[in-house]
């Protein structure tokens, strides 16, 4: 086998491995979402306060993996919710609120309060919860 043949074979093998990796990542994404849906205490259609004084209706449940460590066995999988904003008249607006969940927000029932940088690092004060 020539060097050119070896290069060609190795490139083909790498393309195959890359396709396999992409398939496995899609499968992992599906499982992460299923896990998040199982543990999420908030159901679709629930009204939430995603910021102080701002409300929305949950349309989707998603997930966050601790510090983008998707491949690590000990990385925690957490749920998040997102959906349409509710305007001041009490009707659903056209825009969505971004995902909120325990990874970056303190959660009390259906009320979310952003943790900020200190809360995200696990440093909390008495007023934070």
N, C-alpha and C. Protein backbone atom coordinates (compact mmCIF):
# COMPACT_ATOMS: atom_id res chain seq x y z
N UNK A 1 0.86 -1.18 0.00
CA UNK A 1 0.00 0.00 0.00
C UNK A 1 0.91 1.25 0.00
N UNK A 2 0.59 2.17 -0.88
CA UNK A 2 1.42 3.38 -0.99
C UNK A 2 1.02 4.38 0.10
N UNK A 3 1.83 5.40 0.25
CA UNK A 3 1.53 6.46 1.22
C UNK A 3 0.22 7.15 0.84
N UNK A 4 0.02 7.41 -0.44
CA UNK A 4 -1.23 8.04 -0.88
C UNK A 4 -2.44 7.17 -0.56
N UNK A 5 -2.31 5.86 -0.71
CA UNK A 5 -3.41 4.95 -0.37
C UNK A 5 -3.69 4.97 1.12
N UNK A 6 -2.62 5.03 1.92
CA UNK A 6 -2.77 5.08 3.38
C UNK A 6 -3.47 6.38 3.80
N UNK A 7 -3.08 7.49 3.17
CA UNK A 7 -3.72 8.78 3.46
C UNK A 7 -5.20 8.71 3.11
N UNK A 8 -5.50 8.17 1.92
CA UNK A 8 -6.89 8.07 1.47
C UNK A 8 -7.70 7.20 2.44
N UNK A 9 -7.15 6.07 2.85
CA UNK A 9 -7.83 5.16 3.77
C UNK A 9 -8.06 5.82 5.14
N UNK A 10 -7.05 6.53 5.62
CA UNK A 10 -7.17 7.19 6.92
C UNK A 10 -8.20 8.31 6.88
N UNK A 11 -8.22 9.06 5.79
CA UNK A 11 -9.24 10.11 5.64
C UNK A 11 -10.65 9.52 5.61
N UNK A 12 -10.82 8.40 4.92
CA UNK A 12 -12.12 7.73 4.87
C UNK A 12 -12.53 7.25 6.26
N UNK A 13 -11.58 6.72 6.99
CA UNK A 13 -11.87 6.25 8.35
C UNK A 13 -12.26 7.42 9.25
N UNK A 14 -11.57 8.55 9.13
CA UNK A 14 -11.91 9.73 9.92
C UNK A 14 -13.29 10.26 9.58
N UNK A 15 -13.66 10.26 8.29
CA UNK A 15 -15.01 10.70 7.90
C UNK A 15 -16.06 9.79 8.52
N UNK A 16 -15.78 8.48 8.51
CA UNK A 16 -16.70 7.52 9.12
C UNK A 16 -16.84 7.77 10.62
N UNK A 17 -15.72 8.01 11.30
CA UNK A 17 -15.75 8.27 12.74
C UNK A 17 -16.49 9.56 13.06
N UNK A 18 -16.29 10.58 12.23
CA UNK A 18 -16.98 11.86 12.43
C UNK A 18 -18.49 11.69 12.28
N UNK A 19 -18.92 10.92 11.28
CA UNK A 19 -20.35 10.65 11.10
C UNK A 19 -20.91 9.87 12.28
N UNK A 20 -20.15 8.93 12.79
CA UNK A 20 -20.56 8.16 13.97
C UNK A 20 -20.66 9.07 15.19
N UNK A 21 -19.71 9.97 15.35
CA UNK A 21 -19.73 10.91 16.47
C UNK A 21 -20.98 11.79 16.41
N UNK A 22 -21.29 12.29 15.23
CA UNK A 22 -22.47 13.13 15.08
C UNK A 22 -23.75 12.36 15.41
N UNK A 23 -23.82 11.11 15.01
CA UNK A 23 -24.98 10.27 15.33
C UNK A 23 -25.09 10.07 16.84
N UNK A 24 -23.97 9.79 17.48
CA UNK A 24 -23.96 9.58 18.94
C UNK A 24 -24.33 10.87 19.69
N UNK A 25 -23.88 12.02 19.21
CA UNK A 25 -24.22 13.29 19.85
C UNK A 25 -25.71 13.59 19.72
N UNK A 26 -26.31 13.26 18.58
CA UNK A 26 -27.77 13.43 18.43
C UNK A 26 -28.52 12.51 19.39
N UNK A 27 -28.04 11.29 19.53
CA UNK A 27 -28.65 10.34 20.45
C UNK A 27 -28.53 10.83 21.90
N UNK A 28 -27.36 11.35 22.24
CA UNK A 28 -27.14 11.89 23.58
C UNK A 28 -28.05 13.09 23.83
N UNK A 29 -28.20 13.95 22.83
CA UNK A 29 -29.09 15.10 22.94
C UNK A 29 -30.52 14.66 23.22
N UNK A 30 -30.98 13.63 22.53
CA UNK A 30 -32.33 13.10 22.75
C UNK A 30 -32.50 12.58 24.17
N UNK A 31 -31.48 11.87 24.67
CA UNK A 31 -31.55 11.33 26.03
C UNK A 31 -31.48 12.43 27.08
N UNK A 32 -30.65 13.45 26.86
CA UNK A 32 -30.59 14.59 27.78
C UNK A 32 -31.96 15.26 27.87
N UNK A 33 -32.60 15.47 26.73
CA UNK A 33 -33.92 16.10 26.71
C UNK A 33 -34.95 15.24 27.44
N UNK A 34 -34.91 13.94 27.23
CA UNK A 34 -35.83 13.03 27.91
C UNK A 34 -35.64 13.09 29.43
N UNK A 35 -34.38 13.13 29.87
CA UNK A 35 -34.07 13.22 31.30
C UNK A 35 -34.60 14.53 31.86
N UNK A 36 -34.39 15.65 31.15
CA UNK A 36 -34.86 16.95 31.60
C UNK A 36 -36.38 16.98 31.73
N UNK A 37 -37.07 16.39 30.75
CA UNK A 37 -38.53 16.35 30.80
C UNK A 37 -39.03 15.53 31.98
N UNK A 38 -38.29 14.47 32.33
CA UNK A 38 -38.68 13.62 33.47
C UNK A 38 -38.56 14.36 34.80
N UNK A 39 -37.53 15.17 34.97
CA UNK A 39 -37.28 15.80 36.27
C UNK A 39 -37.83 17.22 36.38
N UNK A 40 -38.28 17.82 35.29
CA UNK A 40 -38.77 19.19 35.32
C UNK A 40 -40.08 19.27 36.12
N UNK A 41 -40.12 20.11 37.16
CA UNK A 41 -41.34 20.23 37.96
C UNK A 41 -42.40 21.14 37.35
N UNK A 42 -42.09 21.77 36.23
CA UNK A 42 -43.01 22.72 35.60
C UNK A 42 -43.52 22.11 34.29
N UNK A 43 -44.82 22.13 34.11
CA UNK A 43 -45.38 21.52 32.91
C UNK A 43 -45.67 22.56 31.83
N UNK A 44 -45.82 22.08 30.62
CA UNK A 44 -46.16 22.92 29.48
C UNK A 44 -47.49 23.63 29.77
N UNK A 45 -47.55 24.92 29.45
CA UNK A 45 -48.77 25.70 29.67
C UNK A 45 -48.78 26.46 30.98
N UNK A 46 -47.78 26.23 31.84
CA UNK A 46 -47.72 26.90 33.14
C UNK A 46 -47.25 28.35 32.98
N UNK A 47 -47.86 29.24 33.75
CA UNK A 47 -47.43 30.63 33.77
C UNK A 47 -46.26 30.75 34.75
N UNK A 48 -45.16 31.38 34.31
CA UNK A 48 -43.98 31.55 35.16
C UNK A 48 -43.57 33.02 35.17
N UNK A 49 -42.87 33.40 36.24
CA UNK A 49 -42.26 34.72 36.32
C UNK A 49 -40.78 34.52 36.03
N UNK A 50 -40.38 34.81 34.78
CA UNK A 50 -39.01 34.53 34.34
C UNK A 50 -38.02 35.62 34.74
N UNK A 51 -38.51 36.81 35.04
CA UNK A 51 -37.75 37.93 35.59
C UNK A 51 -38.71 38.65 36.53
N UNK A 52 -38.18 39.39 37.51
CA UNK A 52 -39.09 40.10 38.41
C UNK A 52 -40.09 40.98 37.65
N UNK A 53 -41.36 40.69 37.82
CA UNK A 53 -42.42 41.46 37.17
C UNK A 53 -42.70 41.10 35.72
N UNK A 54 -42.01 40.12 35.18
CA UNK A 54 -42.22 39.70 33.78
C UNK A 54 -42.66 38.25 33.75
N UNK A 55 -43.73 38.00 33.01
CA UNK A 55 -44.33 36.67 33.00
C UNK A 55 -44.33 36.07 31.60
N UNK A 56 -44.41 34.75 31.58
CA UNK A 56 -44.48 34.02 30.33
C UNK A 56 -45.19 32.71 30.52
N UNK A 57 -45.52 32.07 29.42
CA UNK A 57 -46.17 30.76 29.45
C UNK A 57 -45.21 29.73 28.85
N UNK A 58 -44.99 28.66 29.56
CA UNK A 58 -44.03 27.63 29.15
C UNK A 58 -44.55 26.88 27.92
N UNK A 59 -43.73 26.86 26.88
CA UNK A 59 -44.04 26.12 25.65
C UNK A 59 -43.09 24.94 25.45
N UNK A 60 -41.89 25.04 26.04
CA UNK A 60 -40.86 24.03 25.80
C UNK A 60 -40.08 23.72 27.07
N UNK A 61 -39.65 22.49 27.16
CA UNK A 61 -38.73 22.05 28.20
C UNK A 61 -37.44 21.67 27.50
N UNK A 62 -36.34 22.16 28.04
CA UNK A 62 -35.03 21.86 27.47
C UNK A 62 -34.08 21.40 28.55
N UNK A 63 -32.80 21.42 28.25
CA UNK A 63 -31.82 20.97 29.23
C UNK A 63 -30.56 21.81 29.18
N UNK A 64 -29.85 21.80 30.30
CA UNK A 64 -28.50 22.36 30.42
C UNK A 64 -27.63 21.26 30.99
N UNK A 65 -26.42 21.13 30.47
CA UNK A 65 -25.45 20.19 31.03
C UNK A 65 -24.39 21.02 31.72
N UNK A 66 -24.08 20.66 32.93
CA UNK A 66 -23.16 21.41 33.78
C UNK A 66 -21.89 21.84 33.05
N UNK A 67 -21.73 23.15 32.93
CA UNK A 67 -20.52 23.76 32.37
C UNK A 67 -20.10 23.14 31.04
N UNK A 68 -21.07 22.78 30.21
CA UNK A 68 -20.80 22.25 28.87
C UNK A 68 -19.90 21.01 28.91
N UNK A 69 -20.07 20.19 29.93
CA UNK A 69 -19.27 18.98 30.09
C UNK A 69 -20.10 17.77 29.65
N UNK A 70 -20.64 17.81 28.46
CA UNK A 70 -21.55 16.77 27.98
C UNK A 70 -20.94 15.38 27.99
N UNK A 71 -19.64 15.28 27.83
CA UNK A 71 -18.99 13.98 27.71
C UNK A 71 -18.55 13.41 29.06
N UNK A 72 -18.65 14.19 30.12
CA UNK A 72 -18.19 13.75 31.44
C UNK A 72 -19.30 12.98 32.16
N UNK A 73 -18.94 11.85 32.76
CA UNK A 73 -19.94 11.03 33.45
C UNK A 73 -20.57 11.71 34.65
N UNK A 74 -19.83 12.58 35.32
CA UNK A 74 -20.36 13.21 36.53
C UNK A 74 -21.01 14.58 36.27
N UNK A 75 -21.16 14.97 35.02
CA UNK A 75 -21.80 16.26 34.70
C UNK A 75 -23.30 16.17 34.94
N UNK A 76 -23.81 17.11 35.71
CA UNK A 76 -25.23 17.12 36.05
C UNK A 76 -26.07 17.60 34.87
N UNK A 77 -27.19 16.96 34.64
CA UNK A 77 -28.14 17.34 33.59
C UNK A 77 -29.29 18.06 34.29
N UNK A 78 -29.54 19.31 33.90
CA UNK A 78 -30.60 20.09 34.53
C UNK A 78 -31.62 20.52 33.49
N UNK A 79 -32.83 20.74 33.93
CA UNK A 79 -33.91 21.15 33.06
C UNK A 79 -33.93 22.66 32.91
N UNK A 80 -34.58 23.14 31.87
CA UNK A 80 -34.92 24.55 31.74
C UNK A 80 -36.25 24.64 30.99
N UNK A 81 -36.89 25.79 31.10
CA UNK A 81 -38.15 26.01 30.40
C UNK A 81 -38.06 27.33 29.64
N UNK A 82 -38.80 27.41 28.55
CA UNK A 82 -38.90 28.65 27.77
C UNK A 82 -40.28 28.68 27.13
N UNK A 83 -40.62 29.83 26.61
CA UNK A 83 -41.93 29.96 25.98
C UNK A 83 -42.22 31.40 25.62
N UNK A 84 -43.48 31.69 25.42
CA UNK A 84 -43.91 33.01 24.98
C UNK A 84 -44.08 33.95 26.17
N UNK A 85 -43.69 35.20 25.95
CA UNK A 85 -43.89 36.24 26.96
C UNK A 85 -45.38 36.58 27.04
N UNK A 86 -45.80 36.98 28.23
CA UNK A 86 -47.16 37.47 28.43
C UNK A 86 -47.06 38.98 28.54
N UNK A 87 -47.80 39.71 27.70
CA UNK A 87 -47.71 41.17 27.72
C UNK A 87 -48.53 41.76 28.86
N UNK A 88 -48.49 43.06 29.00
CA UNK A 88 -49.14 43.75 30.12
C UNK A 88 -50.66 43.58 30.14
N UNK A 89 -51.24 43.26 28.99
CA UNK A 89 -52.69 43.06 28.93
C UNK A 89 -53.07 41.64 29.33
N UNK A 90 -52.07 40.80 29.59
CA UNK A 90 -52.34 39.42 30.00
C UNK A 90 -52.43 38.44 28.85
N UNK A 91 -52.18 38.92 27.64
CA UNK A 91 -52.24 38.05 26.46
C UNK A 91 -50.84 37.58 26.09
N UNK A 92 -50.78 36.44 25.39
CA UNK A 92 -49.49 35.95 24.92
C UNK A 92 -48.93 36.89 23.86
N UNK A 93 -47.67 37.25 24.01
CA UNK A 93 -47.02 38.12 23.04
C UNK A 93 -46.45 37.31 21.89
N UNK A 94 -45.71 38.01 21.02
CA UNK A 94 -45.12 37.36 19.86
C UNK A 94 -43.71 36.86 20.14
N UNK A 95 -43.08 37.40 21.18
CA UNK A 95 -41.69 37.05 21.47
C UNK A 95 -41.61 36.00 22.58
N UNK A 96 -40.50 35.26 22.55
CA UNK A 96 -40.24 34.24 23.57
C UNK A 96 -39.32 34.79 24.66
N UNK A 97 -39.46 34.23 25.86
CA UNK A 97 -38.46 34.49 26.88
C UNK A 97 -37.41 33.38 26.79
N UNK A 98 -36.19 33.73 27.12
CA UNK A 98 -35.11 32.76 26.97
C UNK A 98 -35.20 31.69 28.06
N UNK A 99 -34.54 30.56 27.85
CA UNK A 99 -34.62 29.46 28.81
C UNK A 99 -34.19 29.86 30.22
N UNK A 100 -34.99 29.44 31.19
CA UNK A 100 -34.68 29.65 32.61
C UNK A 100 -34.77 28.31 33.32
N UNK A 101 -33.88 28.09 34.25
CA UNK A 101 -33.87 26.85 35.01
C UNK A 101 -32.84 26.92 36.12
N UNK A 102 -32.69 25.86 36.89
CA UNK A 102 -31.83 25.88 38.07
C UNK A 102 -30.33 26.01 37.80
N UNK A 103 -29.91 25.87 36.56
CA UNK A 103 -28.48 26.02 36.27
C UNK A 103 -28.03 27.47 36.48
N UNK A 104 -28.89 28.43 36.14
CA UNK A 104 -28.50 29.84 36.21
C UNK A 104 -29.48 30.71 36.99
N UNK A 105 -30.55 30.11 37.51
CA UNK A 105 -31.57 30.86 38.23
C UNK A 105 -31.92 30.16 39.54
N UNK A 106 -32.26 30.95 40.55
CA UNK A 106 -32.87 30.40 41.75
C UNK A 106 -34.32 30.15 41.38
N UNK A 107 -34.86 29.01 41.79
CA UNK A 107 -36.21 28.63 41.42
C UNK A 107 -37.04 28.45 42.69
N UNK A 108 -38.15 29.18 42.77
CA UNK A 108 -39.12 29.01 43.85
C UNK A 108 -40.47 28.81 43.20
N UNK A 109 -40.88 27.57 43.06
CA UNK A 109 -42.13 27.25 42.38
C UNK A 109 -42.06 27.60 40.91
N UNK A 110 -42.77 28.67 40.54
CA UNK A 110 -42.76 29.12 39.14
C UNK A 110 -42.11 30.50 39.00
N UNK A 111 -41.33 30.90 40.02
CA UNK A 111 -40.65 32.19 40.01
C UNK A 111 -39.15 31.96 39.89
N UNK A 112 -38.53 32.68 38.95
CA UNK A 112 -37.10 32.55 38.71
C UNK A 112 -36.40 33.85 39.03
N UNK A 113 -35.23 33.75 39.66
CA UNK A 113 -34.40 34.91 39.94
C UNK A 113 -32.98 34.58 39.52
N UNK A 114 -32.40 35.39 38.65
CA UNK A 114 -31.07 35.10 38.11
C UNK A 114 -30.05 35.04 39.25
N UNK A 115 -29.19 34.03 39.20
CA UNK A 115 -28.18 33.84 40.23
C UNK A 115 -27.04 34.84 40.14
N UNK A 116 -26.79 35.36 38.97
CA UNK A 116 -25.64 36.23 38.79
C UNK A 116 -24.36 35.40 38.79
N UNK A 117 -23.23 36.05 38.67
CA UNK A 117 -21.96 35.33 38.59
C UNK A 117 -21.63 34.61 39.89
N UNK A 118 -21.92 35.22 41.02
CA UNK A 118 -21.59 34.57 42.30
C UNK A 118 -22.46 33.33 42.52
N UNK A 119 -23.73 33.42 42.17
CA UNK A 119 -24.61 32.27 42.33
C UNK A 119 -24.26 31.13 41.40
N UNK A 120 -23.84 31.48 40.18
CA UNK A 120 -23.44 30.45 39.23
C UNK A 120 -22.19 29.71 39.69
N UNK A 121 -21.37 30.41 40.46
CA UNK A 121 -20.16 29.77 41.00
C UNK A 121 -20.40 29.08 42.33
N UNK A 122 -21.65 29.13 42.82
CA UNK A 122 -21.99 28.46 44.07
C UNK A 122 -21.81 29.32 45.30
N UNK A 123 -21.57 30.62 45.11
CA UNK A 123 -21.41 31.55 46.22
C UNK A 123 -22.73 32.28 46.38
N UNK A 124 -23.44 32.02 47.47
CA UNK A 124 -24.74 32.64 47.65
C UNK A 124 -24.79 33.37 48.97
N UNK A 125 -25.59 34.41 49.00
CA UNK A 125 -25.79 35.16 50.23
C UNK A 125 -27.20 34.95 50.71
N UNK A 126 -27.55 35.52 51.87
CA UNK A 126 -28.89 35.32 52.44
C UNK A 126 -30.01 35.88 51.57
N UNK A 127 -29.72 36.90 50.77
CA UNK A 127 -30.76 37.51 49.92
C UNK A 127 -30.94 36.81 48.60
N UNK A 128 -30.08 35.84 48.30
CA UNK A 128 -30.08 35.20 46.98
C UNK A 128 -31.11 34.11 46.82
N UNK A 129 -31.63 33.56 47.88
CA UNK A 129 -32.56 32.45 47.73
C UNK A 129 -33.93 32.76 48.22
